[in-house]
N, C-alpha and C. Protein backbone atom coordinates (compact mmCIF):
# COMPACT_ATOMS: atom_id res chain seq x y z
N UNK A 1 -17.19 29.68 -66.56
CA UNK A 1 -18.29 30.50 -66.17
C UNK A 1 -19.44 30.08 -65.81
N UNK A 2 -19.28 28.31 -66.20
CA UNK A 2 -20.22 27.11 -65.32
C UNK A 2 -20.44 27.54 -64.17
N UNK A 3 -18.75 27.04 -63.58
CA UNK A 3 -18.85 27.07 -62.36
C UNK A 3 -19.32 28.23 -61.63
N UNK A 4 -18.73 29.54 -62.10
CA UNK A 4 -19.21 30.75 -60.87
C UNK A 4 -20.79 30.31 -60.91
N UNK A 5 -21.54 30.30 -61.95
CA UNK A 5 -23.28 30.27 -61.83
C UNK A 5 -23.34 29.23 -61.14
N UNK A 6 -22.89 28.40 -60.90
CA UNK A 6 -23.59 27.42 -59.68
C UNK A 6 -23.09 27.34 -58.82
N UNK A 7 -21.69 28.49 -58.57
CA UNK A 7 -21.11 28.45 -56.71
C UNK A 7 -22.20 29.47 -56.75
N UNK A 8 -22.70 30.64 -57.47
CA UNK A 8 -23.66 31.62 -57.34
C UNK A 8 -24.79 30.94 -56.89
N UNK A 9 -25.17 30.56 -57.41
CA UNK A 9 -26.50 29.95 -57.46
C UNK A 9 -27.01 28.84 -56.06
N UNK A 10 -25.53 27.75 -55.71
CA UNK A 10 -25.63 27.56 -55.01
C UNK A 10 -25.85 28.07 -52.91
N UNK A 11 -25.00 29.38 -53.50
CA UNK A 11 -25.08 30.08 -52.87
C UNK A 11 -26.54 31.24 -51.99
N UNK A 12 -26.96 31.82 -53.19
CA UNK A 12 -27.85 31.89 -53.32
C UNK A 12 -29.89 31.65 -52.22
N UNK A 13 -29.34 29.89 -52.34
CA UNK A 13 -30.03 28.23 -52.33
C UNK A 13 -29.72 28.49 -50.30
N UNK A 14 -28.80 28.43 -50.57
CA UNK A 14 -28.38 28.63 -48.89
C UNK A 14 -28.28 29.68 -48.10
N UNK A 15 -28.22 30.95 -48.62
CA UNK A 15 -29.08 32.09 -48.12
C UNK A 15 -30.15 32.10 -48.06
N UNK A 16 -30.79 32.20 -48.69
CA UNK A 16 -32.19 31.84 -48.89
C UNK A 16 -33.10 31.19 -47.39
N UNK A 17 -32.29 29.78 -47.56
CA UNK A 17 -33.04 29.19 -46.56
C UNK A 17 -32.62 29.51 -45.26
N UNK A 18 -31.43 29.27 -45.14
CA UNK A 18 -30.32 29.94 -43.86
C UNK A 18 -31.60 31.27 -43.66
N UNK A 19 -32.11 32.40 -44.23
CA UNK A 19 -32.70 33.79 -44.37
C UNK A 19 -34.31 32.81 -43.33
N UNK A 20 -34.47 32.59 -44.08
CA UNK A 20 -36.02 31.43 -44.15
C UNK A 20 -36.87 31.27 -42.20
N UNK A 21 -35.13 29.99 -42.21
CA UNK A 21 -34.72 29.76 -40.98
C UNK A 21 -35.34 30.37 -40.01
N UNK A 22 -34.32 32.02 -39.98
CA UNK A 22 -33.80 32.52 -39.05
C UNK A 22 -35.30 33.04 -39.22
N UNK A 23 -36.11 33.64 -39.79
CA UNK A 23 -37.75 34.16 -39.98
C UNK A 23 -38.55 33.80 -38.91
N UNK A 24 -38.17 32.41 -39.49
CA UNK A 24 -39.37 31.49 -38.83
C UNK A 24 -39.03 31.04 -37.42
N UNK A 25 -37.84 31.38 -36.91
CA UNK A 25 -37.44 31.35 -35.32
C UNK A 25 -37.82 32.70 -34.52
N UNK A 26 -38.32 33.97 -35.51
CA UNK A 26 -38.07 34.85 -34.76
C UNK A 26 -39.53 35.38 -34.96
N UNK A 27 -40.36 34.67 -35.96
CA UNK A 27 -41.88 34.80 -35.61
C UNK A 27 -42.26 33.30 -34.47
N UNK A 28 -41.37 32.86 -34.38
CA UNK A 28 -41.93 31.21 -33.90
C UNK A 28 -43.33 32.20 -32.03
N UNK A 29 -43.82 32.08 -31.38
CA UNK A 29 -44.94 31.80 -30.59
C UNK A 29 -43.56 32.17 -29.09
N UNK A 30 -42.92 30.88 -29.57
CA UNK A 30 -41.51 30.73 -27.59
C UNK A 30 -40.45 31.27 -28.21
N UNK A 31 -39.55 31.57 -29.11
CA UNK A 31 -38.66 31.96 -29.71
C UNK A 31 -37.37 31.02 -28.77
N UNK A 32 -37.07 30.15 -28.33
CA UNK A 32 -36.36 29.27 -27.34
C UNK A 32 -35.09 29.23 -28.44
N UNK A 33 -33.76 28.58 -27.58
CA UNK A 33 -32.31 28.29 -28.10
C UNK A 33 -33.30 26.88 -29.28
N UNK A 34 -32.75 27.30 -30.44
CA UNK A 34 -32.69 26.10 -31.89
C UNK A 34 -31.03 26.17 -32.37
N UNK A 35 -30.93 25.77 -31.77
CA UNK A 35 -28.63 25.29 -31.84
C UNK A 35 -28.24 25.40 -32.55
N UNK A 36 -29.02 24.09 -33.64
CA UNK A 36 -29.05 23.24 -34.93
C UNK A 36 -28.95 24.99 -35.98
N UNK A 37 -30.37 25.40 -36.19
CA UNK A 37 -30.38 26.45 -36.67
C UNK A 37 -29.83 27.86 -36.66
N UNK A 38 -29.36 27.96 -35.58
CA UNK A 38 -27.79 29.09 -35.24
C UNK A 38 -26.72 28.17 -35.82
N UNK A 39 -26.07 27.47 -35.67
CA UNK A 39 -25.05 26.51 -36.55
C UNK A 39 -25.15 26.63 -37.06
N UNK A 40 -25.97 26.42 -38.31
CA UNK A 40 -26.39 26.51 -39.99
C UNK A 40 -26.51 27.77 -40.72
N UNK A 41 -27.29 28.66 -40.34
CA UNK A 41 -26.57 30.37 -40.48
C UNK A 41 -25.71 30.71 -40.55
N UNK A 42 -24.67 30.24 -39.04
CA UNK A 42 -23.69 31.15 -38.86
C UNK A 42 -22.48 30.27 -39.78
N UNK A 43 -22.93 28.70 -40.18
CA UNK A 43 -22.21 28.84 -41.76
C UNK A 43 -22.06 29.27 -43.10
N UNK A 44 -23.29 29.27 -43.01
CA UNK A 44 -23.84 29.95 -44.35
C UNK A 44 -23.41 31.19 -44.62
N UNK A 45 -23.52 31.73 -43.44
CA UNK A 45 -23.59 33.24 -43.60
C UNK A 45 -22.25 33.47 -43.78
N UNK A 46 -21.35 32.82 -43.11
CA UNK A 46 -20.03 32.60 -43.12
C UNK A 46 -19.02 32.35 -44.49
N UNK A 47 -19.69 31.55 -44.92
CA UNK A 47 -19.34 30.52 -46.06
C UNK A 47 -19.64 32.02 -47.11
N UNK A 48 -21.18 32.79 -47.01
CA UNK A 48 -21.40 33.95 -48.26
C UNK A 48 -20.35 34.96 -48.79
N UNK A 49 -20.28 35.49 -47.24
CA UNK A 49 -19.43 36.62 -46.86
C UNK A 49 -17.90 36.32 -47.08
N UNK A 50 -17.64 35.29 -47.76
CA UNK A 50 -16.64 35.07 -47.86
C UNK A 50 -16.87 34.36 -48.84
N UNK A 51 -17.56 34.00 -49.76
CA UNK A 51 -17.57 33.97 -51.51
C UNK A 51 -17.83 35.99 -51.90
N UNK A 52 -18.50 36.58 -51.43
CA UNK A 52 -18.60 37.84 -51.90
C UNK A 52 -17.45 38.29 -51.26
N UNK A 53 -17.29 38.14 -50.43
CA UNK A 53 -15.85 39.26 -50.07
C UNK A 53 -14.95 39.06 -50.71
N UNK A 54 -14.61 38.08 -50.58
CA UNK A 54 -13.14 37.98 -51.45
C UNK A 54 -12.87 37.05 -52.22
N UNK A 55 -14.28 36.67 -52.87
CA UNK A 55 -14.03 36.00 -54.44
C UNK A 55 -14.03 37.04 -55.92
N UNK A 56 -14.08 38.67 -55.49
CA UNK A 56 -13.87 39.32 -56.93
C UNK A 56 -12.28 39.55 -55.79
N UNK A 57 -11.81 39.41 -54.78
CA UNK A 57 -9.97 39.22 -54.56
C UNK A 57 -9.41 38.59 -55.27
N UNK A 58 -10.22 36.95 -55.43
CA UNK A 58 -9.79 35.77 -55.63
C UNK A 58 -10.06 35.65 -57.39
N UNK A 59 -11.32 36.32 -58.14
CA UNK A 59 -10.78 36.51 -59.83
C UNK A 59 -9.90 37.94 -60.16
N UNK A 60 -9.43 38.85 -59.14
CA UNK A 60 -8.47 39.73 -59.58
C UNK A 60 -6.93 38.41 -59.34
N UNK A 61 -6.88 38.07 -58.69
CA UNK A 61 -5.78 36.87 -59.28
C UNK A 61 -6.17 36.30 -59.97
N UNK A 62 -7.14 35.52 -60.28
CA UNK A 62 -6.73 34.25 -61.70
C UNK A 62 -8.04 34.92 -62.50
N UNK A 63 -8.01 36.18 -63.11
CA UNK A 63 -8.81 36.11 -63.91
C UNK A 63 -9.41 35.48 -65.74
N UNK A 64 -10.14 35.30 -65.30
CA UNK A 64 -11.49 34.88 -65.79
C UNK A 64 -11.20 35.45 -67.72
N UNK A 65 -10.94 36.82 -67.91
CA UNK A 65 -10.11 37.03 -68.90
C UNK A 65 -8.88 36.65 -69.62
N UNK A 66 -7.94 36.66 -68.75
CA UNK A 66 -6.40 36.46 -69.16
C UNK A 66 -6.78 34.76 -69.74
N UNK A 67 -7.14 34.04 -69.15
CA UNK A 67 -7.88 32.57 -69.84
C UNK A 67 -8.67 32.55 -71.15
N UNK A 68 -9.14 33.40 -71.47
CA UNK A 68 -9.99 33.91 -72.40
C UNK A 68 -9.48 34.38 -73.33
N UNK A 69 -8.59 34.76 -73.26
CA UNK A 69 -7.57 35.36 -74.05
C UNK A 69 -6.41 34.52 -74.33
N UNK A 70 -6.61 33.98 -73.61
CA UNK A 70 -5.13 32.25 -73.93
C UNK A 70 -5.98 31.17 -74.95
N UNK A 71 -7.45 30.95 -75.04
CA UNK A 71 -8.36 29.80 -75.43
C UNK A 71 -8.57 30.13 -76.27
N UNK A 72 -9.23 31.37 -76.63
CA UNK A 72 -9.74 31.80 -78.01
C UNK A 72 -8.50 31.56 -79.16
N UNK A 73 -7.63 32.44 -79.14
CA UNK A 73 -7.38 32.47 -80.44
C UNK A 73 -6.62 31.42 -80.68
N UNK A 74 -6.47 29.98 -79.76
CA UNK A 74 -6.13 28.76 -80.32
C UNK A 74 -7.25 27.99 -80.61
N UNK A 75 -7.94 28.84 -80.65
CA UNK A 75 -9.27 28.02 -81.75
C UNK A 75 -9.27 28.34 -82.94
N UNK A 76 -8.82 29.41 -82.97
CA UNK A 76 -9.07 29.80 -84.76
C UNK A 76 -8.25 28.87 -85.37
N UNK A 77 -7.43 28.80 -85.05
CA UNK A 77 -7.13 27.61 -86.62
C UNK A 77 -7.37 26.46 -86.23
N UNK A 78 -7.92 25.44 -85.02
CA UNK A 78 -9.18 24.31 -84.86
C UNK A 78 -10.68 25.26 -86.21
N UNK A 79 -10.86 25.98 -86.21
CA UNK A 79 -11.87 26.40 -87.58
C UNK A 79 -11.55 26.79 -88.75
N UNK A 80 -9.97 26.76 -88.22
CA UNK A 80 -10.09 26.99 -89.97
C UNK A 80 -9.84 25.78 -90.90
N UNK A 81 -9.52 24.88 -89.93
CA UNK A 81 -9.07 23.25 -90.45
C UNK A 81 -10.96 22.54 -90.75
N UNK A 82 -11.71 23.15 -89.81
CA UNK A 82 -12.98 23.04 -89.58
C UNK A 82 -13.67 23.59 -91.65
N UNK A 83 -13.46 24.64 -91.02
CA UNK A 83 -13.62 24.81 -92.32
C UNK A 83 -13.02 24.33 -94.22
N UNK A 84 -11.93 24.30 -94.24
CA UNK A 84 -11.01 23.54 -94.77
C UNK A 84 -11.21 21.89 -95.37
N UNK A 85 -11.68 21.17 -94.06
CA UNK A 85 -12.06 20.11 -94.48
C UNK A 85 -13.42 20.13 -94.92
N UNK A 86 -14.42 21.29 -94.35
CA UNK A 86 -15.95 21.18 -95.65
C UNK A 86 -15.53 21.14 -96.50
N UNK A 87 -14.74 22.57 -97.67
CA UNK A 87 -14.05 23.06 -98.03
C UNK A 87 -14.34 21.99 -99.27
N UNK A 88 -13.06 21.08 -99.06
CA UNK A 88 -12.70 20.27 -99.57
C UNK A 88 -13.43 18.63 -99.37
N UNK A 89 -14.73 18.64 -98.70
CA UNK A 89 -15.45 17.24 -98.97
C UNK A 89 -16.89 18.19 -99.69
N UNK A 90 -16.36 19.30 -100.09
CA UNK A 90 -17.28 19.89 -101.02
C UNK A 90 -17.47 19.37 -102.47
N UNK A 91 -15.68 20.21 -102.23
CA UNK A 91 -14.87 19.28 -104.04
C UNK A 91 -14.70 18.61 -104.35
N UNK A 92 -15.01 17.50 -103.47
CA UNK A 92 -14.61 16.60 -103.84
C UNK A 92 -15.60 15.57 -103.93
N UNK A 93 -17.34 15.79 -103.68
CA UNK A 93 -18.72 15.41 -104.00
C UNK A 93 -19.01 16.51 -105.20
N UNK A 94 -18.32 17.67 -105.27
CA UNK A 94 -18.61 18.02 -106.72
C UNK A 94 -18.01 16.98 -108.03
N UNK A 95 -16.65 17.02 -107.42
CA UNK A 95 -15.81 16.36 -108.53
C UNK A 95 -16.65 14.51 -108.92
N UNK A 96 -16.80 14.22 -107.89
CA UNK A 96 -17.98 13.04 -108.04
C UNK A 96 -19.03 12.35 -109.67
């Protein structure tokens, strides 16, 4: 989940930067060629379209929910063990 949020944040920041560069270029007095900015915008837009378009398709292939369904039940015995150890510590401290 953290990786998903991090990728989304980076994508949003890059898109904002690309849009601001494009608007700055369009609003300039004499918008001449700006190859570096155009290349940056092309790369960022391509990556963002890939992320927005193919990201959900990849999620369908490897759903996060299926992993969570496998991990969370495995944690239940650990919770029981932790509760058992706490109870054993309490019983030991009461007996002393």
